[in-house]
PDB file of N, CA and C in Angstrom:
ATOM      1  N   MET A   1       9.486  15.664  -4.174  1.00  0.00           N
ATOM      2  CA  MET A   1      10.240  14.459  -4.467  1.00  0.00           C
ATOM      3  C   MET A   1      11.056  14.018  -3.263  1.00  0.00           C
ATOM      4  N   SER A   2      11.497  14.966  -2.465  1.00  0.00           N
ATOM      5  CA  SER A   2      12.320  14.581  -1.323  1.00  0.00           C
ATOM      6  C   SER A   2      11.502  13.797  -0.295  1.00  0.00           C
ATOM      7  N   LEU A   3      10.189  14.071  -0.204  1.00  0.00           N
ATOM      8  CA  LEU A   3       9.341  13.307   0.705  1.00  0.00           C
ATOM      9  C   LEU A   3       9.313  11.833   0.296  1.00  0.00           C
ATOM     10  N   LEU A   4       9.189  11.580  -1.000  1.00  0.00           N
ATOM     11  CA  LEU A   4       9.179  10.207  -1.491  1.00  0.00           C
ATOM     12  C   LEU A   4      10.495   9.504  -1.175  1.00  0.00           C
ATOM     13  N   LEU A   5      11.598  10.201  -1.375  1.00  0.00           N
ATOM     14  CA  LEU A   5      12.902   9.596  -1.106  1.00  0.00           C
ATOM     15  C   LEU A   5      13.137   9.406   0.389  1.00  0.00           C
ATOM     16  N   ARG A   6      12.687  10.357   1.194  1.00  0.00           N
ATOM     17  CA  ARG A   6      12.867  10.228   2.647  1.00  0.00           C
ATOM     18  C   ARG A   6      12.073   9.048   3.190  1.00  0.00           C
ATOM     19  N   VAL A   7      10.873   8.834   2.669  1.00  0.00           N
ATOM     20  CA  VAL A   7      10.094   7.660   3.091  1.00  0.00           C
ATOM     21  C   VAL A   7      10.793   6.395   2.615  1.00  0.00           C
ATOM     22  N   TRP A   8      11.263   6.378   1.385  1.00  0.00           N
ATOM     23  CA  TRP A   8      11.942   5.211   0.828  1.00  0.00           C
ATOM     24  C   TRP A   8      13.177   4.842   1.645  1.00  0.00           C
ATOM     25  N   ARG A   9      13.898   5.846   2.100  1.00  0.00           N
ATOM     26  CA  ARG A   9      15.118   5.613   2.886  1.00  0.00           C
ATOM     27  C   ARG A   9      14.828   5.303   4.350  1.00  0.00           C
ATOM     28  N   GLY A  10      13.583   5.485   4.786  1.00  0.00           N
ATOM     29  CA  GLY A  10      13.226   5.215   6.176  1.00  0.00           C
ATOM     30  C   GLY A  10      13.731   6.263   7.135  1.00  0.00           C
ATOM     31  N   GLU A  11      13.752   7.514   6.714  1.00  0.00           N
ATOM     32  CA  GLU A  11      14.314   8.584   7.527  1.00  0.00           C
ATOM     33  C   GLU A  11      13.347   9.103   8.596  1.00  0.00           C
ATOM     34  N   TYR A  12      12.086   8.753   8.513  1.00  0.00           N
ATOM     35  CA  TYR A  12      11.120   9.185   9.518  1.00  0.00           C
ATOM     36  C   TYR A  12      11.089   8.177  10.669  1.00  0.00           C
ATOM     37  N   SER A  13      10.458   8.567  11.762  1.00  0.00           N
ATOM     38  CA  SER A  13      10.348   7.640  12.892  1.00  0.00           C
ATOM     39  C   SER A  13       9.460   6.469  12.499  1.00  0.00           C
ATOM     40  N   LEU A  14       9.562   5.408  13.265  1.00  0.00           N
ATOM     41  CA  LEU A  14       8.810   4.197  12.951  1.00  0.00           C
ATOM     42  C   LEU A  14       7.304   4.446  12.958  1.00  0.00           C
ATOM     43  N   GLY A  15       6.828   5.226  13.924  1.00  0.00           N
ATOM     44  CA  GLY A  15       5.396   5.541  13.981  1.00  0.00           C
ATOM     45  C   GLY A  15       4.933   6.345  12.783  1.00  0.00           C
ATOM     46  N   GLN A  16       5.727   7.345  12.402  1.00  0.00           N
ATOM     47  CA  GLN A  16       5.374   8.146  11.231  1.00  0.00           C
ATOM     48  C   GLN A  16       5.404   7.308   9.968  1.00  0.00           C
ATOM     49  N   GLN A  17       6.395   6.441   9.846  1.00  0.00           N
ATOM     50  CA  GLN A  17       6.482   5.579   8.664  1.00  0.00           C
ATOM     51  C   GLN A  17       5.254   4.677   8.561  1.00  0.00           C
ATOM     52  N   PHE A  18       4.847   4.101   9.703  1.00  0.00           N
ATOM     53  CA  PHE A  18       3.731   3.160   9.660  1.00  0.00           C
ATOM     54  C   PHE A  18       2.410   3.869   9.431  1.00  0.00           C
ATOM     55  N   TRP A  19       2.083   4.850  10.282  1.00  0.00           N
ATOM     56  CA  TRP A  19       0.752   5.461  10.233  1.00  0.00           C
ATOM     57  C   TRP A  19       0.581   6.420   9.064  1.00  0.00           C
ATOM     58  N   LEU A  20       1.600   7.194   8.750  1.00  0.00           N
ATOM     59  CA  LEU A  20       1.440   8.206   7.701  1.00  0.00           C
ATOM     60  C   LEU A  20       1.856   7.703   6.324  1.00  0.00           C
ATOM     61  N   ALA A  21       3.031   7.088   6.248  1.00  0.00           N
ATOM     62  CA  ALA A  21       3.544   6.693   4.932  1.00  0.00           C
ATOM     63  C   ALA A  21       3.032   5.341   4.475  1.00  0.00           C
ATOM     64  N   HIS A  22       2.490   4.546   5.387  1.00  0.00           N
ATOM     65  CA  HIS A  22       1.979   3.239   4.966  1.00  0.00           C
ATOM     66  C   HIS A  22       0.454   3.190   5.043  1.00  0.00           C
ATOM     67  N   VAL A  23      -0.086   3.270   6.238  1.00  0.00           N
ATOM     68  CA  VAL A  23      -1.530   3.099   6.412  1.00  0.00           C
ATOM     69  C   VAL A  23      -2.313   4.222   5.734  1.00  0.00           C
ATOM     70  N   ALA A  24      -1.976   5.479   6.039  1.00  0.00           N
ATOM     71  CA  ALA A  24      -2.740   6.602   5.486  1.00  0.00           C
ATOM     72  C   ALA A  24      -2.619   6.679   3.965  1.00  0.00           C
ATOM     73  N   VAL A  25      -1.428   6.433   3.435  1.00  0.00           N
ATOM     74  CA  VAL A  25      -1.237   6.529   1.989  1.00  0.00           C
ATOM     75  C   VAL A  25      -1.973   5.401   1.263  1.00  0.00           C
ATOM     76  N   CYS A  26      -1.889   4.174   1.770  1.00  0.00           N
ATOM     77  CA  CYS A  26      -2.577   3.050   1.114  1.00  0.00           C
ATOM     78  C   CYS A  26      -4.094   3.206   1.186  1.00  0.00           C
ATOM     79  N   ILE A  27      -4.609   3.619   2.341  1.00  0.00           N
ATOM     80  CA  ILE A  27      -6.057   3.824   2.461  1.00  0.00           C
ATOM     81  C   ILE A  27      -6.485   5.009   1.602  1.00  0.00           C
ATOM     82  N   GLY A  28      -5.686   6.068   1.570  1.00  0.00           N
ATOM     83  CA  GLY A  28      -5.991   7.209   0.706  1.00  0.00           C
ATOM     84  C   GLY A  28      -6.040   6.819  -0.762  1.00  0.00           C
ATOM     85  N   TYR A  29      -5.125   5.957  -1.170  1.00  0.00           N
ATOM     86  CA  TYR A  29      -5.122   5.469  -2.557  1.00  0.00           C
ATOM     87  C   TYR A  29      -6.418   4.722  -2.868  1.00  0.00           C
ATOM     88  N   LEU A  30      -6.813   3.839  -1.966  1.00  0.00           N
ATOM     89  CA  LEU A  30      -8.034   3.060  -2.200  1.00  0.00           C
ATOM     90  C   LEU A  30      -9.280   3.942  -2.162  1.00  0.00           C
ATOM     91  N   LEU A  31      -9.308   4.924  -1.275  1.00  0.00           N
ATOM     92  CA  LEU A  31     -10.442   5.852  -1.247  1.00  0.00           C
ATOM     93  C   LEU A  31     -10.504   6.688  -2.518  1.00  0.00           C
ATOM     94  N   LEU A  32      -9.355   7.103  -3.034  1.00  0.00           N
ATOM     95  CA  LEU A  32      -9.319   7.841  -4.292  1.00  0.00           C
ATOM     96  C   LEU A  32      -9.826   6.983  -5.448  1.00  0.00           C
ATOM     97  N   VAL A  33      -9.391   5.746  -5.505  1.00  0.00           N
ATOM     98  CA  VAL A  33      -9.860   4.837  -6.558  1.00  0.00           C
ATOM     99  C   VAL A  33     -11.367   4.648  -6.452  1.00  0.00           C
ATOM    100  N   ARG A  34     -11.853   4.435  -5.242  1.00  0.00           N
ATOM    101  CA  ARG A  34     -13.302   4.250  -5.043  1.00  0.00           C
ATOM    102  C   ARG A  34     -14.076   5.501  -5.455  1.00  0.00           C
ATOM    103  N   TYR A  35     -13.578   6.674  -5.078  1.00  0.00           N
ATOM    104  CA  TYR A  35     -14.236   7.927  -5.455  1.00  0.00           C
ATOM    105  C   TYR A  35     -14.285   8.073  -6.981  1.00  0.00           C
ATOM    106  N   LEU A  36     -13.166   7.807  -7.635  1.00  0.00           N
ATOM    107  CA  LEU A  36     -13.132   7.929  -9.092  1.00  0.00           C
ATOM    108  C   LEU A  36     -14.063   6.930  -9.760  1.00  0.00           C
ATOM    109  N   LEU A  37     -14.116   5.721  -9.251  1.00  0.00           N
ATOM    110  CA  LEU A  37     -14.994   4.718  -9.853  1.00  0.00           C
ATOM    111  C   LEU A  37     -16.469   5.070  -9.660  1.00  0.00           C
ATOM    112  N   LEU A  38     -16.805   5.608  -8.496  1.00  0.00           N
ATOM    113  CA  LEU A  38     -18.197   5.975  -8.249  1.00  0.00           C
ATOM    114  C   LEU A  38     -18.615   7.200  -9.050  1.00  0.00           C
ATOM    115  N   ASN A  39     -17.736   8.183  -9.199  1.00  0.00           N
ATOM    116  CA  ASN A  39     -18.108   9.422  -9.871  1.00  0.00           C
ATOM    117  C   ASN A  39     -17.844   9.429 -11.371  1.00  0.00           C
ATOM    118  N   LEU A  40     -16.898   8.639 -11.816  1.00  0.00           N
ATOM    119  CA  LEU A  40     -16.585   8.614 -13.244  1.00  0.00           C
ATOM    120  C   LEU A  40     -16.942   7.288 -13.891  1.00  0.00           C
ATOM    121  N   GLY A  41     -17.625   6.431 -13.161  1.00  0.00           N
ATOM    122  CA  GLY A  41     -17.923   5.091 -13.651  1.00  0.00           C
ATOM    123  C   GLY A  41     -18.771   5.068 -14.902  1.00  0.00           C
ATOM    124  N   GLU A  42     -19.723   5.981 -15.014  1.00  0.00           N
ATOM    125  CA  GLU A  42     -20.604   5.985 -16.177  1.00  0.00           C
ATOM    126  C   GLU A  42     -19.844   6.362 -17.453  1.00  0.00           C
ATOM    127  N   GLN A  43     -18.828   7.182 -17.316  1.00  0.00           N
ATOM    128  CA  GLN A  43     -18.061   7.611 -18.487  1.00  0.00           C
ATOM    129  C   GLN A  43     -17.084   6.536 -18.959  1.00  0.00           C
ATOM    130  N   PHE A  44     -16.693   5.656 -18.049  1.00  0.00           N
ATOM    131  CA  PHE A  44     -15.685   4.649 -18.385  1.00  0.00           C
ATOM    132  C   PHE A  44     -16.245   3.237 -18.256  1.00  0.00           C
ATOM    133  N   THR A  45     -17.463   3.023 -18.711  1.00  0.00           N
ATOM    134  CA  THR A  45     -18.105   1.712 -18.598  1.00  0.00           C
ATOM    135  C   THR A  45     -17.305   0.608 -19.284  1.00  0.00           C
ATOM    136  N   PRO A  46     -16.762   0.809 -20.493  1.00  0.00           N
ATOM    137  CA  PRO A  46     -15.965  -0.276 -21.096  1.00  0.00           C
ATOM    138  C   PRO A  46     -14.741  -0.650 -20.265  1.00  0.00           C
ATOM    139  N   ALA A  47     -14.102   0.329 -19.663  1.00  0.00           N
ATOM    140  CA  ALA A  47     -12.923   0.041 -18.840  1.00  0.00           C
ATOM    141  C   ALA A  47     -13.317  -0.697 -17.568  1.00  0.00           C
ATOM    142  N   LEU A  48     -14.478  -0.374 -17.033  1.00  0.00           N
ATOM    143  CA  LEU A  48     -14.922  -1.015 -15.799  1.00  0.00           C
ATOM    144  C   LEU A  48     -15.301  -2.472 -16.004  1.00  0.00           C
ATOM    145  N   THR A  49     -15.716  -2.818 -17.206  1.00  0.00           N
ATOM    146  CA  THR A  49     -16.100  -4.203 -17.465  1.00  0.00           C
ATOM    147  C   THR A  49     -14.921  -5.079 -17.876  1.00  0.00           C
ATOM    148  N   SER A  50     -13.775  -4.475 -18.111  1.00  0.00           N
ATOM    149  CA  SER A  50     -12.619  -5.286 -18.505  1.00  0.00           C
ATOM    150  C   SER A  50     -11.921  -5.849 -17.268  1.00  0.00           C
ATOM    151  N   ASN A  51     -11.123  -6.854 -17.491  1.00  0.00           N
ATOM    152  CA  ASN A  51     -10.363  -7.471 -16.402  1.00  0.00           C
ATOM    153  C   ASN A  51      -9.095  -6.700 -16.066  1.00  0.00           C
ATOM    154  N   TRP A  52      -8.746  -5.718 -16.842  1.00  0.00           N
ATOM    155  CA  TRP A  52      -7.501  -4.993 -16.629  1.00  0.00           C
ATOM    156  C   TRP A  52      -7.596  -3.966 -15.513  1.00  0.00           C
ATOM    157  N   LEU A  53      -8.784  -3.459 -15.242  1.00  0.00           N
ATOM    158  CA  LEU A  53      -8.913  -2.441 -14.206  1.00  0.00           C
ATOM    159  C   LEU A  53      -8.560  -2.965 -12.822  1.00  0.00           C
ATOM    160  N   PRO A  54      -9.090  -4.114 -12.387  1.00  0.00           N
ATOM    161  CA  PRO A  54      -8.668  -4.619 -11.070  1.00  0.00           C
ATOM    162  C   PRO A  54      -7.171  -4.910 -11.004  1.00  0.00           C
ATOM    163  N   LEU A  55      -6.605  -5.388 -12.104  1.00  0.00           N
ATOM    164  CA  LEU A  55      -5.165  -5.640 -12.126  1.00  0.00           C
ATOM    165  C   LEU A  55      -4.371  -4.347 -12.040  1.00  0.00           C
ATOM    166  N   ALA A  56      -4.826  -3.295 -12.706  1.00  0.00           N
ATOM    167  CA  ALA A  56      -4.133  -2.009 -12.652  1.00  0.00           C
ATOM    168  C   ALA A  56      -4.227  -1.404 -11.255  1.00  0.00           C
ATOM    169  N   VAL A  57      -5.405  -1.453 -10.649  1.00  0.00           N
ATOM    170  CA  VAL A  57      -5.575  -0.905  -9.300  1.00  0.00           C
ATOM    171  C   VAL A  57      -4.772  -1.729  -8.299  1.00  0.00           C
ATOM    172  N   GLY A  58      -4.855  -3.044  -8.407  1.00  0.00           N
ATOM    173  CA  GLY A  58      -4.084  -3.920  -7.515  1.00  0.00           C
ATOM    174  C   GLY A  58      -2.590  -3.755  -7.724  1.00  0.00           C
ATOM    175  N   GLY A  59      -2.168  -3.589  -8.971  1.00  0.00           N
ATOM    176  CA  GLY A  59      -0.750  -3.375  -9.258  1.00  0.00           C
ATOM    177  C   GLY A  59      -0.254  -2.043  -8.719  1.00  0.00           C
ATOM    178  N   GLY A  60      -1.078  -1.010  -8.834  1.00  0.00           N
ATOM    179  CA  GLY A  60      -0.712   0.287  -8.275  1.00  0.00           C
ATOM    180  C   GLY A  60      -0.585   0.226  -6.762  1.00  0.00           C
ATOM    181  N   LEU A  61      -1.520  -0.473  -6.129  1.00  0.00           N
ATOM    182  CA  LEU A  61      -1.450  -0.630  -4.679  1.00  0.00           C
ATOM    183  C   LEU A  61      -0.240  -1.458  -4.284  1.00  0.00           C
ATOM    184  N   PHE A  62       0.072  -2.463  -5.061  1.00  0.00           N
ATOM    185  CA  PHE A  62       1.238  -3.302  -4.775  1.00  0.00           C
ATOM    186  C   PHE A  62       2.526  -2.472  -4.845  1.00  0.00           C
ATOM    187  N   LEU A  63       2.665  -1.643  -5.867  1.00  0.00           N
ATOM    188  CA  LEU A  63       3.846  -0.780  -5.978  1.00  0.00           C
ATOM    189  C   LEU A  63       3.903   0.237  -4.839  1.00  0.00           C
ATOM    190  N   LEU A  64       2.754   0.774  -4.474  1.00  0.00           N
ATOM    191  CA  LEU A  64       2.698   1.711  -3.352  1.00  0.00           C
ATOM    192  C   LEU A  64       3.103   1.032  -2.051  1.00  0.00           C
ATOM    193  N   MET A  65       2.676  -0.212  -1.871  1.00  0.00           N
ATOM    194  CA  MET A  65       3.037  -0.948  -0.660  1.00  0.00           C
ATOM    195  C   MET A  65       4.521  -1.300  -0.652  1.00  0.00           C
ATOM    196  N   ILE A  66       5.102  -1.609  -1.791  1.00  0.00           N
ATOM    197  CA  ILE A  66       6.543  -1.868  -1.850  1.00  0.00           C
ATOM    198  C   ILE A  66       7.307  -0.629  -1.398  1.00  0.00           C
ATOM    199  N   TRP A  67       6.898   0.543  -1.893  1.00  0.00           N
ATOM    200  CA  TRP A  67       7.552   1.796  -1.508  1.00  0.00           C
ATOM    201  C   TRP A  67       7.415   2.055  -0.015  1.00  0.00           C
ATOM    202  N   SER A  68       6.203   1.938   0.517  1.00  0.00           N
ATOM    203  CA  SER A  68       5.990   2.276   1.923  1.00  0.00           C
ATOM    204  C   SER A  68       6.580   1.227   2.859  1.00  0.00           C
ATOM    205  N   LEU A  69       6.487  -0.040   2.505  1.00  0.00           N
ATOM    206  CA  LEU A  69       7.033  -1.084   3.375  1.00  0.00           C
ATOM    207  C   LEU A  69       8.553  -1.118   3.350  1.00  0.00           C
ATOM    208  N   THR A  70       9.165  -0.708   2.237  1.00  0.00           N
ATOM    209  CA  THR A  70      10.626  -0.602   2.207  1.00  0.00           C
ATOM    210  C   THR A  70      11.093   0.458   3.186  1.00  0.00           C
ATOM    211  N   GLY A  71      10.433   1.598   3.182  1.00  0.00           N
ATOM    212  CA  GLY A  71      10.768   2.644   4.144  1.00  0.00           C
ATOM    213  C   GLY A  71      10.501   2.214   5.570  1.00  0.00           C
ATOM    214  N   LEU A  72       9.422   1.492   5.783  1.00  0.00           N
ATOM    215  CA  LEU A  72       9.093   0.991   7.124  1.00  0.00           C
ATOM    216  C   LEU A  72      10.145  -0.008   7.594  1.00  0.00           C
ATOM    217  N   TRP A  73      10.589  -0.861   6.722  1.00  0.00           N
ATOM    218  CA  TRP A  73      11.632  -1.837   7.045  1.00  0.00           C
ATOM    219  C   TRP A  73      12.934  -1.124   7.420  1.00  0.00           C
ATOM    220  N   ARG A  74      13.283  -0.111   6.645  1.00  0.00           N
ATOM    221  CA  ARG A  74      14.515   0.616   6.924  1.00  0.00           C
ATOM    222  C   ARG A  74      14.417   1.433   8.209  1.00  0.00           C
ATOM    223  N   ALA A  75      13.245   1.986   8.499  1.00  0.00           N
ATOM    224  CA  ALA A  75      13.059   2.720   9.755  1.00  0.00           C
ATOM    225  C   ALA A  75      13.136   1.768  10.942  1.00  0.00           C
ATOM    226  N   ALA A  76      12.622   0.565  10.781  1.00  0.00           N
ATOM    227  CA  ALA A  76      12.689  -0.425  11.859  1.00  0.00           C
ATOM    228  C   ALA A  76      14.120  -0.885  12.092  1.00  0.00           C
ATOM    229  N   GLY A  77      14.951  -0.818  11.069  1.00  0.00           N
ATOM    230  CA  GLY A  77      16.334  -1.248  11.193  1.00  0.00           C
ATOM    231  C   GLY A  77      17.207  -0.327  12.028  1.00  0.00           C
ATOM    232  N   ARG A  78      16.719   0.852  12.363  1.00  0.00           N
ATOM    233  CA  ARG A  78      17.507   1.784  13.168  1.00  0.00           C
ATOM    234  C   ARG A  78      17.369   1.531  14.667  1.00  0.00           C
ATOM    235  N   HIS A  79      16.567   0.569  15.068  1.00  0.00           N
ATOM    236  CA  HIS A  79      16.367   0.284  16.487  1.00  0.00           C
ATOM    237  C   HIS A  79      17.388  -0.734  16.973  1.00  0.00           C
ATOM    238  N   GLU A  80      17.460  -0.934  18.268  1.00  0.00           N
ATOM    239  CA  GLU A  80      18.365  -1.931  18.848  1.00  0.00           C
ATOM    240  C   GLU A  80      17.972  -3.322  18.357  1.00  0.00           C
ATOM    241  N   LEU A  81      18.773  -4.333  18.679  1.00  0.00           N
ATOM    242  CA  LEU A  81      18.593  -5.658  18.074  1.00  0.00           C
ATOM    243  C   LEU A  81      17.198  -6.246  18.282  1.00  0.00           C
ATOM    244  N   TRP A  82      16.751  -6.460  19.501  1.00  0.00           N
ATOM    245  CA  TRP A  82      15.464  -7.106  19.712  1.00  0.00           C
ATOM    246  C   TRP A  82      14.296  -6.239  19.283  1.00  0.00           C
ATOM    247  N   PRO A  83      14.291  -4.942  19.609  1.00  0.00           N
ATOM    248  CA  PRO A  83      13.204  -4.120  19.060  1.00  0.00           C
ATOM    249  C   PRO A  83      13.221  -4.081  17.533  1.00  0.00           C
ATOM    250  N   ARG A  84      14.423  -4.115  16.939  1.00  0.00           N
ATOM    251  CA  ARG A  84      14.514  -4.116  15.478  1.00  0.00           C
ATOM    252  C   ARG A  84      13.909  -5.395  14.913  1.00  0.00           C
ATOM    253  N   MET A  85      14.220  -6.528  15.539  1.00  0.00           N
ATOM    254  CA  MET A  85      13.668  -7.793  15.051  1.00  0.00           C
ATOM    255  C   MET A  85      12.154  -7.811  15.198  1.00  0.00           C
ATOM    256  N   LEU A  86      11.645  -7.307  16.324  1.00  0.00           N
ATOM    257  CA  LEU A  86      10.205  -7.257  16.530  1.00  0.00           C
ATOM    258  C   LEU A  86       9.558  -6.292  15.544  1.00  0.00           C
ATOM    259  N   ALA A  87      10.172  -5.121  15.353  1.00  0.00           N
ATOM    260  CA  ALA A  87       9.618  -4.140  14.419  1.00  0.00           C
ATOM    261  C   ALA A  87       9.614  -4.679  12.997  1.00  0.00           C
ATOM    262  N   ARG A  88      10.685  -5.357  12.620  1.00  0.00           N
ATOM    263  CA  ARG A  88      10.731  -5.904  11.263  1.00  0.00           C
ATOM    264  C   ARG A  88       9.751  -7.056  11.086  1.00  0.00           C
ATOM    265  N   SER A  89       9.505  -7.806  12.136  1.00  0.00           N
ATOM    266  CA  SER A  89       8.496  -8.865  12.009  1.00  0.00           C
ATOM    267  C   SER A  89       7.115  -8.254  11.819  1.00  0.00           C
ATOM    268  N   TRP A  90       6.862  -7.110  12.440  1.00  0.00           N
ATOM    269  CA  TRP A  90       5.584  -6.440  12.238  1.00  0.00           C
ATOM    270  C   TRP A  90       5.465  -5.879  10.832  1.00  0.00           C
ATOM    271  N   VAL A  91       6.567  -5.544  10.203  1.00  0.00           N
ATOM    272  CA  VAL A  91       6.520  -5.105   8.808  1.00  0.00           C
ATOM    273  C   VAL A  91       6.039  -6.258   7.928  1.00  0.00           C
ATOM    274  N   VAL A  92       6.542  -7.449   8.196  1.00  0.00           N
ATOM    275  CA  VAL A  92       6.109  -8.626   7.431  1.00  0.00           C
ATOM    276  C   VAL A  92       4.634  -8.898   7.683  1.00  0.00           C
ATOM    277  N   VAL A  93       4.209  -8.824   8.935  1.00  0.00           N
ATOM    278  CA  VAL A  93       2.799  -9.046   9.273  1.00  0.00           C
ATOM    279  C   VAL A  93       1.920  -7.983   8.615  1.00  0.00           C
ATOM    280  N   ALA A  94       2.333  -6.717   8.697  1.00  0.00           N
ATOM    281  CA  ALA A  94       1.545  -5.628   8.108  1.00  0.00           C
ATOM    282  C   ALA A  94       1.446  -5.766   6.597  1.00  0.00           C
ATOM    283  N   SER A  95       2.534  -6.170   5.965  1.00  0.00           N
ATOM    284  CA  SER A  95       2.486  -6.322   4.510  1.00  0.00           C
ATOM    285  C   SER A  95       1.581  -7.477   4.109  1.00  0.00           C
ATOM    286  N   GLY A  96       1.657  -8.587   4.820  1.00  0.00           N
ATOM    287  CA  GLY A  96       0.783  -9.714   4.508  1.00  0.00           C
ATOM    288  C   GLY A  96      -0.676  -9.390   4.750  1.00  0.00           C
ATOM    289  N   LEU A  97      -0.950  -8.709   5.846  1.00  0.00           N
ATOM    290  CA  LEU A  97      -2.323  -8.333   6.164  1.00  0.00           C
ATOM    291  C   LEU A  97      -2.863  -7.329   5.145  1.00  0.00           C
ATOM    292  N   ALA A  98      -2.066  -6.339   4.810  1.00  0.00           N
ATOM    293  CA  ALA A  98      -2.506  -5.342   3.833  1.00  0.00           C
ATOM    294  C   ALA A  98      -2.747  -5.994   2.476  1.00  0.00           C
ATOM    295  N   TYR A  99      -1.891  -6.906   2.093  1.00  0.00           N
ATOM    296  CA  TYR A  99      -2.076  -7.603   0.817  1.00  0.00           C
ATOM    297  C   TYR A  99      -3.358  -8.435   0.840  1.00  0.00           C
ATOM    298  N   ALA A 100      -3.588  -9.143   1.958  1.00  0.00           N
ATOM    299  CA  ALA A 100      -4.776  -9.991   2.060  1.00  0.00           C
ATOM    300  C   ALA A 100      -6.064  -9.175   2.081  1.00  0.00           C
ATOM    301  N   VAL A 101      -6.016  -8.014   2.722  1.00  0.00           N
ATOM    302  CA  VAL A 101      -7.233  -7.215   2.859  1.00  0.00           C
ATOM    303  C   VAL A 101      -7.505  -6.365   1.622  1.00  0.00           C
ATOM    304  N   PHE A 102      -6.473  -5.796   1.022  1.00  0.00           N
ATOM    305  CA  PHE A 102      -6.687  -4.833  -0.047  1.00  0.00           C
ATOM    306  C   PHE A 102      -6.495  -5.393  -1.455  1.00  0.00           C
ATOM    307  N   VAL A 103      -5.515  -6.237  -1.658  1.00  0.00           N
ATOM    308  CA  VAL A 103      -5.189  -6.667  -3.023  1.00  0.00           C
ATOM    309  C   VAL A 103      -5.939  -7.933  -3.419  1.00  0.00           C
ATOM    310  N   VAL A 104      -6.008  -8.899  -2.536  1.00  0.00           N
ATOM    311  CA  VAL A 104      -6.643 -10.173  -2.873  1.00  0.00           C
ATOM    312  C   VAL A 104      -8.104 -10.011  -3.292  1.00  0.00           C
ATOM    313  N   PRO A 105      -8.923  -9.191  -2.598  1.00  0.00           N
ATOM    314  CA  PRO A 105     -10.311  -9.037  -3.075  1.00  0.00           C
ATOM    315  C   PRO A 105     -10.422  -8.485  -4.499  1.00  0.00           C
ATOM    316  N   TRP A 106      -9.497  -7.603  -4.881  1.00  0.00           N
ATOM    317  CA  TRP A 106      -9.545  -7.075  -6.246  1.00  0.00           C
ATOM    318  C   TRP A 106      -9.224  -8.180  -7.244  1.00  0.00           C
ATOM    319  N   ILE A 107      -8.228  -8.970  -6.938  1.00  0.00           N
ATOM    320  CA  ILE A 107      -7.824 -10.026  -7.861  1.00  0.00           C
ATOM    321  C   ILE A 107      -8.831 -11.171  -7.853  1.00  0.00           C
ATOM    322  N   ALA A 108      -9.440 -11.448  -6.709  1.00  0.00           N
ATOM    323  CA  ALA A 108     -10.425 -12.525  -6.615  1.00  0.00           C
ATOM    324  C   ALA A 108     -11.639 -12.232  -7.486  1.00  0.00           C
ATOM    325  N   GLY A 109     -11.947 -10.952  -7.689  1.00  0.00           N
ATOM    326  CA  GLY A 109     -13.066 -10.588  -8.535  1.00  0.00           C
ATOM    327  C   GLY A 109     -12.872 -11.005  -9.984  1.00  0.00           C
ATOM    328  N   LEU A 110     -11.651 -11.238 -10.386  1.00  0.00           N
ATOM    329  CA  LEU A 110     -11.392 -11.676 -11.773  1.00  0.00           C
ATOM    330  C   LEU A 110     -11.851 -13.089 -12.031  1.00  0.00           C
ATOM    331  N   PHE A 111     -11.889 -13.919 -11.000  1.00  0.00           N
ATOM    332  CA  PHE A 111     -12.167 -15.329 -11.199  1.00  0.00           C
ATOM    333  C   PHE A 111     -13.597 -15.719 -10.871  1.00  0.00           C
ATOM    334  N   ARG A 112     -14.471 -14.744 -10.740  1.00  0.00           N
ATOM    335  CA  ARG A 112     -15.888 -15.047 -10.484  1.00  0.00           C
ATOM    336  C   ARG A 112     -16.629 -15.236 -11.765  1.00  0.00           C
TER     337      ARG A 112
END
């Protein structure tokens, strides 16, 4: 539990927050979801055909990104003024990019 709180508080270095607590965790989450869907898909066919599964996966990723990006924002806040502003702008860019790449395709599948 302390790892979760330390990431939330931004106690790790900026590089560790970005690569380990944000990128690796979000990609790991998506790989886990993909693995479960490929290996357990036949057992959960009714759930896979419903519209709630993409929303649940996208919602889980959204909550995970809120946790990791909050810690990243707080870690960026420990730098001097201009590096802090640049680091925090990259948090906004990373969050928008991650949302566009990972969450939007799941939600877009609902409207096909």
